[in-house]
Full PDB file with SEQRES, HELIX, SHEET, SSBOND, CRYST1, ORIGX, SCALE, CONECT and MASTER records, all heavy atoms in Angstrom:
SEQRES   1 A   34  THR TYR GLU VAL ILE VAL VAL ASP ASP GLY SER ARG ASP          
SEQRES   2 A   34  GLN THR THR LYS VAL ALA LEU LYS TYR SER GLN LYS TYR          
SEQRES   3 A   34  GLY SER GLU LYS VAL ARG VAL LEU                              
HELIX    1 AA1 THR A   15  TYR A   26  1                                  12    
SHEET    1 AA1 2 VAL A   4  VAL A   6  0                                        
SHEET    2 AA1 2 VAL A  31  VAL A  33  1                                        
CRYST1    1.000    1.000    1.000  90.00  90.00  90.00 P 1           1          
ORIGX1      1.000000  0.000000  0.000000        0.00000                         
ORIGX2      0.000000  1.000000  0.000000        0.00000                         
ORIGX3      0.000000  0.000000  1.000000        0.00000                         
SCALE1      1.000000  0.000000  0.000000        0.00000                         
SCALE2      0.000000  1.000000  0.000000        0.00000                         
SCALE3      0.000000  0.000000  1.000000        0.00000                         
ATOM      1  N   THR A   1      76.159  13.161  29.686  1.00  0.00           N  
ATOM      2  CA  THR A   1      76.264  14.495  29.072  1.00  0.00           C  
ATOM      3  C   THR A   1      75.433  15.491  29.860  1.00  0.00           C  
ATOM      4  O   THR A   1      74.413  15.133  30.459  1.00  0.00           O  
ATOM      5  CB  THR A   1      75.778  14.467  27.609  1.00  0.00           C  
ATOM      6  OG1 THR A   1      74.463  13.884  27.556  1.00  0.00           O  
ATOM      7  CG2 THR A   1      76.727  13.667  26.729  1.00  0.00           C  
ATOM      8  N   TYR A   2      75.857  16.751  29.840  1.00  0.00           N  
ATOM      9  CA  TYR A   2      75.173  17.762  30.643  1.00  0.00           C  
ATOM     10  C   TYR A   2      75.318  19.146  30.025  1.00  0.00           C  
ATOM     11  O   TYR A   2      76.142  19.375  29.137  1.00  0.00           O  
ATOM     12  CB  TYR A   2      75.732  17.778  32.065  1.00  0.00           C  
ATOM     13  CG  TYR A   2      77.104  18.437  32.173  1.00  0.00           C  
ATOM     14  CD1 TYR A   2      77.215  19.817  32.370  1.00  0.00           C  
ATOM     15  CD2 TYR A   2      78.284  17.692  32.054  1.00  0.00           C  
ATOM     16  CE1 TYR A   2      78.471  20.425  32.447  1.00  0.00           C  
ATOM     17  CE2 TYR A   2      79.529  18.285  32.141  1.00  0.00           C  
ATOM     18  CZ  TYR A   2      79.611  19.664  32.337  1.00  0.00           C  
ATOM     19  OH  TYR A   2      80.846  20.277  32.401  1.00  0.00           O  
ATOM     20  N   GLU A   3      74.535  20.060  30.539  1.00  0.00           N  
ATOM     21  CA  GLU A   3      74.695  21.485  30.257  1.00  0.00           C  
ATOM     22  C   GLU A   3      74.281  22.253  31.509  1.00  0.00           C  
ATOM     23  O   GLU A   3      73.441  21.791  32.297  1.00  0.00           O  
ATOM     24  CB  GLU A   3      73.817  21.929  29.075  1.00  0.00           C  
ATOM     25  CG  GLU A   3      72.323  21.857  29.351  1.00  0.00           C  
ATOM     26  CD  GLU A   3      71.462  22.317  28.182  1.00  0.00           C  
ATOM     27  OE1 GLU A   3      72.016  22.871  27.207  1.00  0.00           O  
ATOM     28  OE2 GLU A   3      70.225  22.117  28.245  1.00  0.00           O  
ATOM     29  N   VAL A   4      74.905  23.410  31.718  1.00  0.00           N  
ATOM     30  CA  VAL A   4      74.508  24.333  32.777  1.00  0.00           C  
ATOM     31  C   VAL A   4      74.019  25.611  32.097  1.00  0.00           C  
ATOM     32  O   VAL A   4      74.759  26.218  31.308  1.00  0.00           O  
ATOM     33  CB  VAL A   4      75.679  24.653  33.733  1.00  0.00           C  
ATOM     34  CG1 VAL A   4      75.238  25.668  34.793  1.00  0.00           C  
ATOM     35  CG2 VAL A   4      76.199  23.382  34.401  1.00  0.00           C  
ATOM     36  N   ILE A   5      72.787  25.988  32.363  1.00  0.00           N  
ATOM     37  CA  ILE A   5      72.208  27.201  31.773  1.00  0.00           C  
ATOM     38  C   ILE A   5      72.085  28.263  32.856  1.00  0.00           C  
ATOM     39  O   ILE A   5      71.293  28.125  33.794  1.00  0.00           O  
ATOM     40  CB  ILE A   5      70.819  26.916  31.164  1.00  0.00           C  
ATOM     41  CG1 ILE A   5      70.903  25.830  30.102  1.00  0.00           C  
ATOM     42  CG2 ILE A   5      70.225  28.196  30.578  1.00  0.00           C  
ATOM     43  CD1 ILE A   5      69.549  25.383  29.570  1.00  0.00           C  
ATOM     44  N   VAL A   6      72.908  29.303  32.746  1.00  0.00           N  
ATOM     45  CA  VAL A   6      72.829  30.428  33.681  1.00  0.00           C  
ATOM     46  C   VAL A   6      71.883  31.464  33.078  1.00  0.00           C  
ATOM     47  O   VAL A   6      72.158  32.002  31.996  1.00  0.00           O  
ATOM     48  CB  VAL A   6      74.212  31.055  33.943  1.00  0.00           C  
ATOM     49  CG1 VAL A   6      74.085  32.242  34.904  1.00  0.00           C  
ATOM     50  CG2 VAL A   6      75.171  30.008  34.506  1.00  0.00           C  
ATOM     51  N   VAL A   7      70.782  31.722  33.758  1.00  0.00           N  
ATOM     52  CA  VAL A   7      69.807  32.700  33.276  1.00  0.00           C  
ATOM     53  C   VAL A   7      69.994  33.991  34.071  1.00  0.00           C  
ATOM     54  O   VAL A   7      69.698  34.041  35.263  1.00  0.00           O  
ATOM     55  CB  VAL A   7      68.359  32.187  33.438  1.00  0.00           C  
ATOM     56  CG1 VAL A   7      67.382  33.180  32.816  1.00  0.00           C  
ATOM     57  CG2 VAL A   7      68.201  30.819  32.801  1.00  0.00           C  
ATOM     58  N   ASP A   8      70.531  35.005  33.407  1.00  0.00           N  
ATOM     59  CA  ASP A   8      70.727  36.309  34.057  1.00  0.00           C  
ATOM     60  C   ASP A   8      69.407  37.077  33.993  1.00  0.00           C  
ATOM     61  O   ASP A   8      68.990  37.539  32.934  1.00  0.00           O  
ATOM     62  CB  ASP A   8      71.835  37.087  33.354  1.00  0.00           C  
ATOM     63  CG  ASP A   8      72.138  38.422  34.041  1.00  0.00           C  
ATOM     64  OD1 ASP A   8      71.342  38.855  34.909  1.00  0.00           O  
ATOM     65  OD2 ASP A   8      73.158  39.041  33.705  1.00  0.00           O  
ATOM     66  N   ASP A   9      68.773  37.217  35.143  1.00  0.00           N  
ATOM     67  CA  ASP A   9      67.427  37.793  35.210  1.00  0.00           C  
ATOM     68  C   ASP A   9      67.456  39.321  35.267  1.00  0.00           C  
ATOM     69  O   ASP A   9      66.967  39.936  36.218  1.00  0.00           O  
ATOM     70  CB  ASP A   9      66.697  37.223  36.433  1.00  0.00           C  
ATOM     71  CG  ASP A   9      65.211  37.555  36.443  1.00  0.00           C  
ATOM     72  OD1 ASP A   9      64.661  37.853  35.366  1.00  0.00           O  
ATOM     73  OD2 ASP A   9      64.614  37.507  37.533  1.00  0.00           O  
ATOM     74  N   GLY A  10      68.044  39.933  34.231  1.00  0.00           N  
ATOM     75  CA  GLY A  10      68.077  41.388  34.167  1.00  0.00           C  
ATOM     76  C   GLY A  10      68.966  42.020  35.227  1.00  0.00           C  
ATOM     77  O   GLY A  10      68.644  43.093  35.758  1.00  0.00           O  
ATOM     78  N   SER A  11      70.082  41.380  35.538  1.00  0.00           N  
ATOM     79  CA  SER A  11      70.983  41.881  36.587  1.00  0.00           C  
ATOM     80  C   SER A  11      71.565  43.250  36.243  1.00  0.00           C  
ATOM     81  O   SER A  11      71.748  43.592  35.070  1.00  0.00           O  
ATOM     82  CB  SER A  11      72.140  40.895  36.811  1.00  0.00           C  
ATOM     83  OG  SER A  11      71.669  39.643  37.252  1.00  0.00           O  
ATOM     84  N   ARG A  12      71.888  43.999  37.290  1.00  0.00           N  
ATOM     85  CA  ARG A  12      72.542  45.304  37.122  1.00  0.00           C  
ATOM     86  C   ARG A  12      74.043  45.211  37.365  1.00  0.00           C  
ATOM     87  O   ARG A  12      74.753  46.209  37.242  1.00  0.00           O  
ATOM     88  CB  ARG A  12      71.918  46.328  38.083  1.00  0.00           C  
ATOM     89  CG  ARG A  12      70.444  46.618  37.795  1.00  0.00           C  
ATOM     90  CD  ARG A  12      69.933  47.766  38.652  1.00  0.00           C  
ATOM     91  NE  ARG A  12      70.018  47.447  40.071  1.00  0.00           N  
ATOM     92  CZ  ARG A  12      69.043  46.879  40.771  1.00  0.00           C  
ATOM     93  NH1 ARG A  12      67.913  46.534  40.160  1.00  0.00           N  
ATOM     94  NH2 ARG A  12      69.177  46.628  42.048  1.00  0.00           N  
ATOM     95  N   ASP A  13      74.518  44.032  37.742  1.00  0.00           N  
ATOM     96  CA  ASP A  13      75.949  43.872  37.996  1.00  0.00           C  
ATOM     97  C   ASP A  13      76.592  43.060  36.865  1.00  0.00           C  
ATOM     98  O   ASP A  13      76.094  43.045  35.745  1.00  0.00           O  
ATOM     99  CB  ASP A  13      76.178  43.233  39.376  1.00  0.00           C  
ATOM    100  CG  ASP A  13      75.661  41.792  39.436  1.00  0.00           C  
ATOM    101  OD1 ASP A  13      75.098  41.311  38.426  1.00  0.00           O  
ATOM    102  OD2 ASP A  13      75.826  41.146  40.486  1.00  0.00           O  
ATOM    103  N   GLN A  14      77.682  42.363  37.165  1.00  0.00           N  
ATOM    104  CA  GLN A  14      78.441  41.648  36.140  1.00  0.00           C  
ATOM    105  C   GLN A  14      78.126  40.148  36.099  1.00  0.00           C  
ATOM    106  O   GLN A  14      78.992  39.344  35.739  1.00  0.00           O  
ATOM    107  CB  GLN A  14      79.941  41.860  36.394  1.00  0.00           C  
ATOM    108  CG  GLN A  14      80.384  43.313  36.366  1.00  0.00           C  
ATOM    109  CD  GLN A  14      80.145  43.947  35.011  1.00  0.00           C  
ATOM    110  OE1 GLN A  14      80.503  43.391  33.977  1.00  0.00           O  
ATOM    111  NE2 GLN A  14      79.532  45.127  35.000  1.00  0.00           N  
ATOM    112  N   THR A  15      76.909  39.780  36.431  1.00  0.00           N  
ATOM    113  CA  THR A  15      76.537  38.364  36.465  1.00  0.00           C  
ATOM    114  C   THR A  15      76.793  37.679  35.121  1.00  0.00           C  
ATOM    115  O   THR A  15      77.380  36.595  35.058  1.00  0.00           O  
ATOM    116  CB  THR A  15      75.062  38.195  36.866  1.00  0.00           C  
ATOM    117  OG1 THR A  15      74.892  38.644  38.214  1.00  0.00           O  
ATOM    118  CG2 THR A  15      74.625  36.736  36.777  1.00  0.00           C  
ATOM    119  N   THR A  16      76.357  38.294  34.027  1.00  0.00           N  
ATOM    120  CA  THR A  16      76.559  37.697  32.703  1.00  0.00           C  
ATOM    121  C   THR A  16      78.041  37.539  32.396  1.00  0.00           C  
ATOM    122  O   THR A  16      78.480  36.497  31.886  1.00  0.00           O  
ATOM    123  CB  THR A  16      75.882  38.559  31.622  1.00  0.00           C  
ATOM    124  OG1 THR A  16      74.461  38.436  31.743  1.00  0.00           O  
ATOM    125  CG2 THR A  16      76.288  38.102  30.218  1.00  0.00           C  
ATOM    126  N   LYS A  17      78.822  38.545  32.716  1.00  0.00           N  
ATOM    127  CA  LYS A  17      80.263  38.498  32.457  1.00  0.00           C  
ATOM    128  C   LYS A  17      80.915  37.359  33.229  1.00  0.00           C  
ATOM    129  O   LYS A  17      81.764  36.627  32.699  1.00  0.00           O  
ATOM    130  CB  LYS A  17      80.898  39.832  32.832  1.00  0.00           C  
ATOM    131  CG  LYS A  17      82.361  39.959  32.461  1.00  0.00           C  
ATOM    132  CD  LYS A  17      82.890  41.353  32.775  1.00  0.00           C  
ATOM    133  CE  LYS A  17      84.361  41.494  32.404  1.00  0.00           C  
ATOM    134  NZ  LYS A  17      84.877  42.863  32.710  1.00  0.00           N  
ATOM    135  N   VAL A  18      80.513  37.186  34.483  1.00  0.00           N  
ATOM    136  CA  VAL A  18      81.052  36.097  35.306  1.00  0.00           C  
ATOM    137  C   VAL A  18      80.676  34.751  34.705  1.00  0.00           C  
ATOM    138  O   VAL A  18      81.512  33.844  34.583  1.00  0.00           O  
ATOM    139  CB  VAL A  18      80.523  36.205  36.755  1.00  0.00           C  
ATOM    140  CG1 VAL A  18      80.863  34.943  37.549  1.00  0.00           C  
ATOM    141  CG2 VAL A  18      81.107  37.434  37.453  1.00  0.00           C  
ATOM    142  N   ALA A  19      79.424  34.598  34.306  1.00  0.00           N  
ATOM    143  CA  ALA A  19      78.962  33.329  33.734  1.00  0.00           C  
ATOM    144  C   ALA A  19      79.691  33.012  32.426  1.00  0.00           C  
ATOM    145  O   ALA A  19      80.020  31.851  32.149  1.00  0.00           O  
ATOM    146  CB  ALA A  19      77.457  33.385  33.506  1.00  0.00           C  
ATOM    147  N   LEU A  20      79.953  34.047  31.633  1.00  0.00           N  
ATOM    148  CA  LEU A  20      80.620  33.828  30.342  1.00  0.00           C  
ATOM    149  C   LEU A  20      82.057  33.329  30.514  1.00  0.00           C  
ATOM    150  O   LEU A  20      82.587  32.651  29.635  1.00  0.00           O  
ATOM    151  CB  LEU A  20      80.600  35.115  29.521  1.00  0.00           C  
ATOM    152  CG  LEU A  20      79.249  35.470  28.887  1.00  0.00           C  
ATOM    153  CD1 LEU A  20      79.295  36.856  28.252  1.00  0.00           C  
ATOM    154  CD2 LEU A  20      78.850  34.423  27.843  1.00  0.00           C  
ATOM    155  N   LYS A  21      82.681  33.641  31.633  1.00  0.00           N  
ATOM    156  CA  LYS A  21      84.026  33.122  31.893  1.00  0.00           C  
ATOM    157  C   LYS A  21      83.999  31.591  31.976  1.00  0.00           C  
ATOM    158  O   LYS A  21      84.931  30.912  31.533  1.00  0.00           O  
ATOM    159  CB  LYS A  21      84.578  33.723  33.182  1.00  0.00           C  
ATOM    160  CG  LYS A  21      84.922  35.208  33.073  1.00  0.00           C  
ATOM    161  CD  LYS A  21      85.483  35.735  34.394  1.00  0.00           C  
ATOM    162  CE  LYS A  21      85.840  37.222  34.278  1.00  0.00           C  
ATOM    163  NZ  LYS A  21      86.356  37.779  35.551  1.00  0.00           N  
ATOM    164  N   TYR A  22      82.920  31.057  32.550  1.00  0.00           N  
ATOM    165  CA  TYR A  22      82.790  29.598  32.642  1.00  0.00           C  
ATOM    166  C   TYR A  22      82.456  29.004  31.277  1.00  0.00           C  
ATOM    167  O   TYR A  22      82.896  27.895  30.954  1.00  0.00           O  
ATOM    168  CB  TYR A  22      81.724  29.234  33.677  1.00  0.00           C  
ATOM    169  CG  TYR A  22      82.176  29.511  35.087  1.00  0.00           C  
ATOM    170  CD1 TYR A  22      81.919  30.732  35.691  1.00  0.00           C  
ATOM    171  CD2 TYR A  22      82.892  28.558  35.808  1.00  0.00           C  
ATOM    172  CE1 TYR A  22      82.359  31.006  36.977  1.00  0.00           C  
ATOM    173  CE2 TYR A  22      83.330  28.806  37.099  1.00  0.00           C  
ATOM    174  CZ  TYR A  22      83.067  30.043  37.671  1.00  0.00           C  
ATOM    175  OH  TYR A  22      83.516  30.309  38.942  1.00  0.00           O  
ATOM    176  N   SER A  23      81.706  29.737  30.491  1.00  0.00           N  
ATOM    177  CA  SER A  23      81.412  29.291  29.133  1.00  0.00           C  
ATOM    178  C   SER A  23      82.692  29.224  28.306  1.00  0.00           C  
ATOM    179  O   SER A  23      82.891  28.302  27.505  1.00  0.00           O  
ATOM    180  CB  SER A  23      80.402  30.246  28.476  1.00  0.00           C  
ATOM    181  OG  SER A  23      80.066  29.820  27.183  1.00  0.00           O  
ATOM    182  N   GLN A  24      83.555  30.198  28.516  1.00  0.00           N  
ATOM    183  CA  GLN A  24      84.837  30.226  27.802  1.00  0.00           C  
ATOM    184  C   GLN A  24      85.729  29.073  28.252  1.00  0.00           C  
ATOM    185  O   GLN A  24      86.402  28.433  27.437  1.00  0.00           O  
ATOM    186  CB  GLN A  24      85.547  31.562  28.054  1.00  0.00           C  
ATOM    187  CG  GLN A  24      86.832  31.741  27.267  1.00  0.00           C  
ATOM    188  CD  GLN A  24      87.419  33.125  27.466  1.00  0.00           C  
ATOM    189  OE1 GLN A  24      87.303  33.728  28.534  1.00  0.00           O  
ATOM    190  NE2 GLN A  24      88.032  33.663  26.426  1.00  0.00           N  
ATOM    191  N   LYS A  25      85.703  28.769  29.546  1.00  0.00           N  
ATOM    192  CA  LYS A  25      86.570  27.725  30.096  1.00  0.00           C  
ATOM    193  C   LYS A  25      86.095  26.326  29.710  1.00  0.00           C  
ATOM    194  O   LYS A  25      86.909  25.460  29.338  1.00  0.00           O  
ATOM    195  CB  LYS A  25      86.629  27.850  31.620  1.00  0.00           C  
ATOM    196  CG  LYS A  25      87.519  26.806  32.297  1.00  0.00           C  
ATOM    197  CD  LYS A  25      87.590  27.037  33.795  1.00  0.00           C  
ATOM    198  CE  LYS A  25      88.461  25.984  34.468  1.00  0.00           C  
ATOM    199  NZ  LYS A  25      88.537  26.197  35.952  1.00  0.00           N  
ATOM    200  N   TYR A  26      84.791  26.089  29.785  1.00  0.00           N  
ATOM    201  CA  TYR A  26      84.259  24.738  29.574  1.00  0.00           C  
ATOM    202  C   TYR A  26      83.618  24.547  28.197  1.00  0.00           C  
ATOM    203  O   TYR A  26      83.310  23.417  27.824  1.00  0.00           O  
ATOM    204  CB  TYR A  26      83.237  24.403  30.663  1.00  0.00           C  
ATOM    205  CG  TYR A  26      83.849  24.266  32.035  1.00  0.00           C  
ATOM    206  CD1 TYR A  26      83.924  25.355  32.894  1.00  0.00           C  
ATOM    207  CD2 TYR A  26      84.362  23.050  32.473  1.00  0.00           C  
ATOM    208  CE1 TYR A  26      84.492  25.237  34.160  1.00  0.00           C  
ATOM    209  CE2 TYR A  26      84.932  22.917  33.732  1.00  0.00           C  
ATOM    210  CZ  TYR A  26      84.997  24.020  34.568  1.00  0.00           C  
ATOM    211  OH  TYR A  26      85.562  23.896  35.818  1.00  0.00           O  
ATOM    212  N   GLY A  27      83.400  25.649  27.492  1.00  0.00           N  
ATOM    213  CA  GLY A  27      82.778  25.569  26.179  1.00  0.00           C  
ATOM    214  C   GLY A  27      81.295  25.895  26.241  1.00  0.00           C  
ATOM    215  O   GLY A  27      80.623  25.592  27.235  1.00  0.00           O  
ATOM    216  N   SER A  28      80.781  26.483  25.176  1.00  0.00           N  
ATOM    217  CA  SER A  28      79.390  26.924  25.160  1.00  0.00           C  
ATOM    218  C   SER A  28      78.400  25.776  25.018  1.00  0.00           C  
ATOM    219  O   SER A  28      77.197  25.973  25.167  1.00  0.00           O  
ATOM    220  CB  SER A  28      79.159  27.933  24.020  1.00  0.00           C  
ATOM    221  OG  SER A  28      79.502  27.347  22.769  1.00  0.00           O  
ATOM    222  N   GLU A  29      78.897  24.570  24.738  1.00  0.00           N  
ATOM    223  CA  GLU A  29      78.010  23.405  24.719  1.00  0.00           C  
ATOM    224  C   GLU A  29      77.693  22.953  26.139  1.00  0.00           C  
ATOM    225  O   GLU A  29      76.646  22.358  26.394  1.00  0.00           O  
ATOM    226  CB  GLU A  29      78.636  22.247  23.937  1.00  0.00           C  
ATOM    227  CG  GLU A  29      78.420  22.325  22.444  1.00  0.00           C  
ATOM    228  CD  GLU A  29      76.941  22.207  22.075  1.00  0.00           C  
ATOM    229  OE1 GLU A  29      76.345  21.156  22.365  1.00  0.00           O  
ATOM    230  OE2 GLU A  29      76.392  23.166  21.510  1.00  0.00           O  
ATOM    231  N   LYS A  30      78.606  23.239  27.062  1.00  0.00           N  
ATOM    232  CA  LYS A  30      78.416  22.808  28.447  1.00  0.00           C  
ATOM    233  C   LYS A  30      77.890  23.926  29.341  1.00  0.00           C  
ATOM    234  O   LYS A  30      77.105  23.673  30.263  1.00  0.00           O  
ATOM    235  CB  LYS A  30      79.735  22.265  29.023  1.00  0.00           C  
ATOM    236  CG  LYS A  30      80.149  20.929  28.444  1.00  0.00           C  
ATOM    237  CD  LYS A  30      81.401  20.404  29.126  1.00  0.00           C  
ATOM    238  CE  LYS A  30      81.724  18.986  28.637  1.00  0.00           C  
ATOM    239  NZ  LYS A  30      82.959  18.445  29.278  1.00  0.00           N  
ATOM    240  N   VAL A  31      78.338  25.148  29.127  1.00  0.00           N  
ATOM    241  CA  VAL A  31      77.862  26.280  29.932  1.00  0.00           C  
ATOM    242  C   VAL A  31      77.236  27.300  28.987  1.00  0.00           C  
ATOM    243  O   VAL A  31      77.915  27.882  28.140  1.00  0.00           O  
ATOM    244  CB  VAL A  31      79.004  26.935  30.739  1.00  0.00           C  
ATOM    245  CG1 VAL A  31      78.455  28.114  31.542  1.00  0.00           C  
ATOM    246  CG2 VAL A  31      79.650  25.913  31.671  1.00  0.00           C  
ATOM    247  N   ARG A  32      75.956  27.519  29.145  1.00  0.00           N  
ATOM    248  CA  ARG A  32      75.198  28.407  28.262  1.00  0.00           C  
ATOM    249  C   ARG A  32      74.659  29.565  29.094  1.00  0.00           C  
ATOM    250  O   ARG A  32      74.204  29.381  30.233  1.00  0.00           O  
ATOM    251  CB  ARG A  32      74.070  27.648  27.567  1.00  0.00           C  
ATOM    252  CG  ARG A  32      74.483  26.248  27.126  1.00  0.00           C  
ATOM    253  CD  ARG A  32      73.486  25.624  26.167  1.00  0.00           C  
ATOM    254  NE  ARG A  32      73.855  25.922  24.790  1.00  0.00           N  
ATOM    255  CZ  ARG A  32      73.165  25.537  23.748  1.00  0.00           C  
ATOM    256  NH1 ARG A  32      72.037  24.864  23.907  1.00  0.00           N  
ATOM    257  NH2 ARG A  32      73.564  25.828  22.519  1.00  0.00           N  
ATOM    258  N   VAL A  33      74.725  30.751  28.525  1.00  0.00           N  
ATOM    259  CA  VAL A  33      74.325  31.963  29.250  1.00  0.00           C  
ATOM    260  C   VAL A  33      73.160  32.620  28.524  1.00  0.00           C  
ATOM    261  O   VAL A  33      73.259  32.937  27.331  1.00  0.00           O  
ATOM    262  CB  VAL A  33      75.506  32.949  29.371  1.00  0.00           C  
ATOM    263  CG1 VAL A  33      75.088  34.174  30.192  1.00  0.00           C  
ATOM    264  CG2 VAL A  33      76.719  32.257  30.004  1.00  0.00           C  
ATOM    265  N   LEU A  34      72.062  32.802  29.260  1.00  0.00           N  
ATOM    266  CA  LEU A  34      70.850  33.387  28.682  1.00  0.00           C  
ATOM    267  C   LEU A  34      70.506  34.679  29.434  1.00  0.00           C  
ATOM    268  O   LEU A  34      69.895  34.639  30.498  1.00  0.00           O  
ATOM    269  CB  LEU A  34      69.683  32.400  28.781  1.00  0.00           C  
ATOM    270  CG  LEU A  34      68.330  32.873  28.230  1.00  0.00           C  
ATOM    271  CD1 LEU A  34      68.440  33.197  26.742  1.00  0.00           C  
ATOM    272  CD2 LEU A  34      67.257  31.808  28.477  1.00  0.00           C  
TER     273      LEU A  34                                                      
MASTER        0    0    0    1    2    0    0    6  272    1    0    3          
END                                                                             
């Protein structure tokens, strides 16, 4: 079992939006966006 935690360090671009696409594809249990 695994999880990937993408930590958006106050980005000014669309980093969070890009990461959330993976959360949507794989599920929020596997890809988490902080």
